[in-house]
């Protein structure tokens, strides 16, 4: 006979598993989308051919850091959901990198006049970093 707490635990684990799979898929898709551009830009920047595109390369690199962090967080969520963990389901460093990458991209967007997108990116990055910090402290 199954109890309510067991059903809630199973539902929570499945939700964590689903969110993790979604995050991992989005992270992998982002990494695959940005990788060809970075592979093209980095050698050109090193040779000095496209030095004027340094900010674009930094912007794309920060998005790559964001998507890799999202991929790692998604994989960790899938593992935590499969193991039915309730606490410490995502390593903190992953979320700090995710939040920091969003904040750096937000400041780069702000530099080029995209105020609304910059505000959203900085706000979301700050919230992600704060949530990870607050769960470690409490």
C-alpha atoms as a PDB file:
ATOM      1  CA  UNK A   1       0.000   0.000   0.000  1.00  0.00           C
ATOM      2  CA  UNK A   2       1.430   3.369  -1.005  1.00  0.00           C
ATOM      3  CA  UNK A   3       1.250   6.380   1.269  1.00  0.00           C
ATOM      4  CA  UNK A   4       0.788  10.019   0.296  1.00  0.00           C
ATOM      5  CA  UNK A   5       4.361  10.945   1.184  1.00  0.00           C
ATOM      6  CA  UNK A   6       5.662   8.215  -1.106  1.00  0.00           C
ATOM      7  CA  UNK A   7       3.491   9.478  -3.969  1.00  0.00           C
ATOM      8  CA  UNK A   8       4.677  13.031  -3.355  1.00  0.00           C
ATOM      9  CA  UNK A   9       8.282  11.819  -3.304  1.00  0.00           C
ATOM     10  CA  UNK A  10       7.847   9.974  -6.584  1.00  0.00           C
ATOM     11  CA  UNK A  11       6.140  12.971  -8.184  1.00  0.00           C
ATOM     12  CA  UNK A  12       8.893  15.298  -6.940  1.00  0.00           C
ATOM     13  CA  UNK A  13      11.588  12.973  -8.272  1.00  0.00           C
ATOM     14  CA  UNK A  14       9.900  12.796 -11.658  1.00  0.00           C
ATOM     15  CA  UNK A  15       9.563  16.572 -11.773  1.00  0.00           C
ATOM     16  CA  UNK A  16      13.255  17.004 -10.919  1.00  0.00           C
ATOM     17  CA  UNK A  17      14.111  14.390 -13.555  1.00  0.00           C
ATOM     18  CA  UNK A  18      11.997  16.190 -16.182  1.00  0.00           C
ATOM     19  CA  UNK A  19      13.425  19.638 -15.373  1.00  0.00           C
ATOM     20  CA  UNK A  20      16.937  18.178 -15.447  1.00  0.00           C
ATOM     21  CA  UNK A  21      16.372  16.537 -18.815  1.00  0.00           C
ATOM     22  CA  UNK A  22      14.980  19.788 -20.210  1.00  0.00           C
ATOM     23  CA  UNK A  23      17.934  21.800 -18.862  1.00  0.00           C
ATOM     24  CA  UNK A  24      20.434  19.258 -20.217  1.00  0.00           C
ATOM     25  CA  UNK A  25      18.812  19.305 -23.661  1.00  0.00           C
ATOM     26  CA  UNK A  26      18.782  23.119 -23.774  1.00  0.00           C
ATOM     27  CA  UNK A  27      22.388  23.247 -22.566  1.00  0.00           C
ATOM     28  CA  UNK A  28      23.553  20.726 -25.151  1.00  0.00           C
ATOM     29  CA  UNK A  29      21.688  22.532 -27.938  1.00  0.00           C
ATOM     30  CA  UNK A  30      23.246  25.842 -26.911  1.00  0.00           C
ATOM     31  CA  UNK A  31      26.753  24.396 -26.807  1.00  0.00           C
ATOM     32  CA  UNK A  32      26.276  22.832 -30.236  1.00  0.00           C
ATOM     33  CA  UNK A  33      24.954  26.102 -31.656  1.00  0.00           C
ATOM     34  CA  UNK A  34      27.769  28.298 -30.300  1.00  0.00           C
ATOM     35  CA  UNK A  35      30.721  25.942 -30.793  1.00  0.00           C
ATOM     36  CA  UNK A  36      31.171  26.459 -34.565  1.00  0.00           C
ATOM     37  CA  UNK A  37      31.291  30.232 -34.148  1.00  0.00           C
ATOM     38  CA  UNK A  38      33.857  30.002 -31.354  1.00  0.00           C
ATOM     39  CA  UNK A  39      35.974  27.549 -33.332  1.00  0.00           C
ATOM     40  CA  UNK A  40      36.016  30.069 -36.176  1.00  0.00           C
ATOM     41  CA  UNK A  41      36.557  33.220 -34.080  1.00  0.00           C
ATOM     42  CA  UNK A  42      39.257  32.136 -31.618  1.00  0.00           C
ATOM     43  CA  UNK A  43      42.045  31.381 -34.164  1.00  0.00           C
ATOM     44  CA  UNK A  44      41.250  34.614 -36.032  1.00  0.00           C
ATOM     45  CA  UNK A  45      41.501  36.611 -32.800  1.00  0.00           C
ATOM     46  CA  UNK A  46      44.787  34.980 -31.836  1.00  0.00           C
ATOM     47  CA  UNK A  47      46.292  35.881 -35.218  1.00  0.00           C
ATOM     48  CA  UNK A  48      45.035  39.451 -34.857  1.00  0.00           C
ATOM     49  CA  UNK A  49      42.901  39.341 -37.991  1.00  0.00           C
ATOM     50  CA  UNK A  50      39.599  40.129 -36.281  1.00  0.00           C
ATOM     51  CA  UNK A  51      40.724  42.022 -33.209  1.00  0.00           C
ATOM     52  CA  UNK A  52      37.715  44.319 -33.536  1.00  0.00           C
ATOM     53  CA  UNK A  53      35.475  41.309 -32.808  1.00  0.00           C
ATOM     54  CA  UNK A  54      36.941  40.689 -29.344  1.00  0.00           C
ATOM     55  CA  UNK A  55      33.744  41.778 -27.575  1.00  0.00           C
ATOM     56  CA  UNK A  56      31.667  39.478 -29.777  1.00  0.00           C
ATOM     57  CA  UNK A  57      33.980  36.576 -28.993  1.00  0.00           C
ATOM     58  CA  UNK A  58      33.757  37.338 -25.270  1.00  0.00           C
ATOM     59  CA  UNK A  59      29.965  37.530 -25.534  1.00  0.00           C
ATOM     60  CA  UNK A  60      29.784  34.169 -27.326  1.00  0.00           C
ATOM     61  CA  UNK A  61      32.268  32.591 -24.915  1.00  0.00           C
ATOM     62  CA  UNK A  62      30.143  33.677 -21.945  1.00  0.00           C
ATOM     63  CA  UNK A  63      27.093  32.145 -23.592  1.00  0.00           C
ATOM     64  CA  UNK A  64      29.102  28.944 -24.019  1.00  0.00           C
ATOM     65  CA  UNK A  65      29.948  29.015 -20.288  1.00  0.00           C
ATOM     66  CA  UNK A  66      26.252  29.541 -19.534  1.00  0.00           C
ATOM     67  CA  UNK A  67      25.162  26.623 -21.715  1.00  0.00           C
ATOM     68  CA  UNK A  68      27.862  24.286 -20.358  1.00  0.00           C
ATOM     69  CA  UNK A  69      26.763  25.192 -16.826  1.00  0.00           C
ATOM     70  CA  UNK A  70      23.146  24.561 -17.806  1.00  0.00           C
ATOM     71  CA  UNK A  71      24.135  21.187 -19.270  1.00  0.00           C
ATOM     72  CA  UNK A  72      26.024  20.174 -16.118  1.00  0.00           C
ATOM     73  CA  UNK A  73      23.178  21.366 -13.882  1.00  0.00           C
ATOM     74  CA  UNK A  74      20.701  19.401 -15.998  1.00  0.00           C
ATOM     75  CA  UNK A  75      22.762  16.220 -15.787  1.00  0.00           C
ATOM     76  CA  UNK A  76      23.089  16.669 -12.030  1.00  0.00           C
ATOM     77  CA  UNK A  77      19.310  17.178 -11.749  1.00  0.00           C
ATOM     78  CA  UNK A  78      18.676  13.995 -13.728  1.00  0.00           C
ATOM     79  CA  UNK A  79      21.007  12.064 -11.416  1.00  0.00           C
ATOM     80  CA  UNK A  80      19.419  13.605  -8.319  1.00  0.00           C
ATOM     81  CA  UNK A  81      15.921  12.836  -9.597  1.00  0.00           C
ATOM     82  CA  UNK A  82      16.855   9.240 -10.336  1.00  0.00           C
ATOM     83  CA  UNK A  83      18.368   8.850  -6.852  1.00  0.00           C
ATOM     84  CA  UNK A  84      15.383  10.662  -5.240  1.00  0.00           C
ATOM     85  CA  UNK A  85      17.601  13.175  -3.480  1.00  0.00           C
ATOM     86  CA  UNK A  86      15.826  16.028  -1.726  1.00  0.00           C
ATOM     87  CA  UNK A  87      18.753  18.212  -0.644  1.00  0.00           C
ATOM     88  CA  UNK A  88      21.861  19.541  -2.377  1.00  0.00           C
ATOM     89  CA  UNK A  89      20.705  18.405  -5.786  1.00  0.00           C
ATOM     90  CA  UNK A  90      22.873  20.806  -7.843  1.00  0.00           C
ATOM     91  CA  UNK A  91      26.508  21.644  -7.059  1.00  0.00           C
ATOM     92  CA  UNK A  92      26.889  25.309  -6.174  1.00  0.00           C
ATOM     93  CA  UNK A  93      29.795  26.091  -8.464  1.00  0.00           C
ATOM     94  CA  UNK A  94      27.700  25.222 -11.506  1.00  0.00           C
ATOM     95  CA  UNK A  95      25.025  27.729 -10.550  1.00  0.00           C
ATOM     96  CA  UNK A  96      27.601  30.396  -9.730  1.00  0.00           C
ATOM     97  CA  UNK A  97      29.134  30.039 -13.202  1.00  0.00           C
ATOM     98  CA  UNK A  98      25.669  30.103 -14.751  1.00  0.00           C
ATOM     99  CA  UNK A  99      24.745  33.284 -12.891  1.00  0.00           C
ATOM    100  CA  UNK A 100      28.105  34.966 -13.494  1.00  0.00           C
ATOM    101  CA  UNK A 101      27.975  34.230 -17.231  1.00  0.00           C
ATOM    102  CA  UNK A 102      24.513  35.768 -17.425  1.00  0.00           C
ATOM    103  CA  UNK A 103      25.639  38.850 -15.512  1.00  0.00           C
ATOM    104  CA  UNK A 104      28.725  39.358 -17.710  1.00  0.00           C
ATOM    105  CA  UNK A 105      26.581  39.032 -20.830  1.00  0.00           C
ATOM    106  CA  UNK A 106      24.121  41.469 -19.314  1.00  0.00           C
ATOM    107  CA  UNK A 107      26.861  44.041 -18.805  1.00  0.00           C
ATOM    108  CA  UNK A 108      28.087  43.500 -22.374  1.00  0.00           C
ATOM    109  CA  UNK A 109      24.526  44.038 -23.642  1.00  0.00           C
ATOM    110  CA  UNK A 110      24.277  47.168 -21.506  1.00  0.00           C
ATOM    111  CA  UNK A 111      27.481  48.441 -23.094  1.00  0.00           C
ATOM    112  CA  UNK A 112      25.841  48.268 -26.524  1.00  0.00           C
ATOM    113  CA  UNK A 113      22.556  49.845 -25.467  1.00  0.00           C
ATOM    114  CA  UNK A 114      20.318  46.799 -25.041  1.00  0.00           C
ATOM    115  CA  UNK A 115      18.979  48.001 -21.705  1.00  0.00           C
ATOM    116  CA  UNK A 116      15.956  45.715 -21.330  1.00  0.00           C
ATOM    117  CA  UNK A 117      17.803  42.515 -22.275  1.00  0.00           C
ATOM    118  CA  UNK A 118      20.727  43.560 -20.112  1.00  0.00           C
ATOM    119  CA  UNK A 119      18.480  44.180 -17.138  1.00  0.00           C
ATOM    120  CA  UNK A 120      16.804  40.800 -17.534  1.00  0.00           C
ATOM    121  CA  UNK A 121      20.126  38.959 -17.880  1.00  0.00           C
ATOM    122  CA  UNK A 122      21.681  40.728 -14.891  1.00  0.00           C
ATOM    123  CA  UNK A 123      18.569  40.178 -12.768  1.00  0.00           C
ATOM    124  CA  UNK A 124      18.273  36.474 -13.600  1.00  0.00           C
ATOM    125  CA  UNK A 125      22.013  35.936 -13.093  1.00  0.00           C
ATOM    126  CA  UNK A 126      21.860  37.686  -9.735  1.00  0.00           C
ATOM    127  CA  UNK A 127      18.844  35.642  -8.651  1.00  0.00           C
ATOM    128  CA  UNK A 128      20.508  32.347  -9.612  1.00  0.00           C
ATOM    129  CA  UNK A 129      23.678  33.272  -7.734  1.00  0.00           C
ATOM    130  CA  UNK A 130      21.723  34.522  -4.713  1.00  0.00           C
ATOM    131  CA  UNK A 131      19.528  31.417  -4.565  1.00  0.00           C
ATOM    132  CA  UNK A 132      22.574  29.174  -4.551  1.00  0.00           C
ATOM    133  CA  UNK A 133      24.222  31.309  -1.873  1.00  0.00           C
ATOM    134  CA  UNK A 134      21.089  31.365   0.286  1.00  0.00           C
ATOM    135  CA  UNK A 135      20.643  27.595   0.121  1.00  0.00           C
ATOM    136  CA  UNK A 136      24.244  27.093   1.242  1.00  0.00           C
ATOM    137  CA  UNK A 137      23.954  29.555   4.130  1.00  0.00           C
ATOM    138  CA  UNK A 138      20.559  28.453   5.491  1.00  0.00           C
END
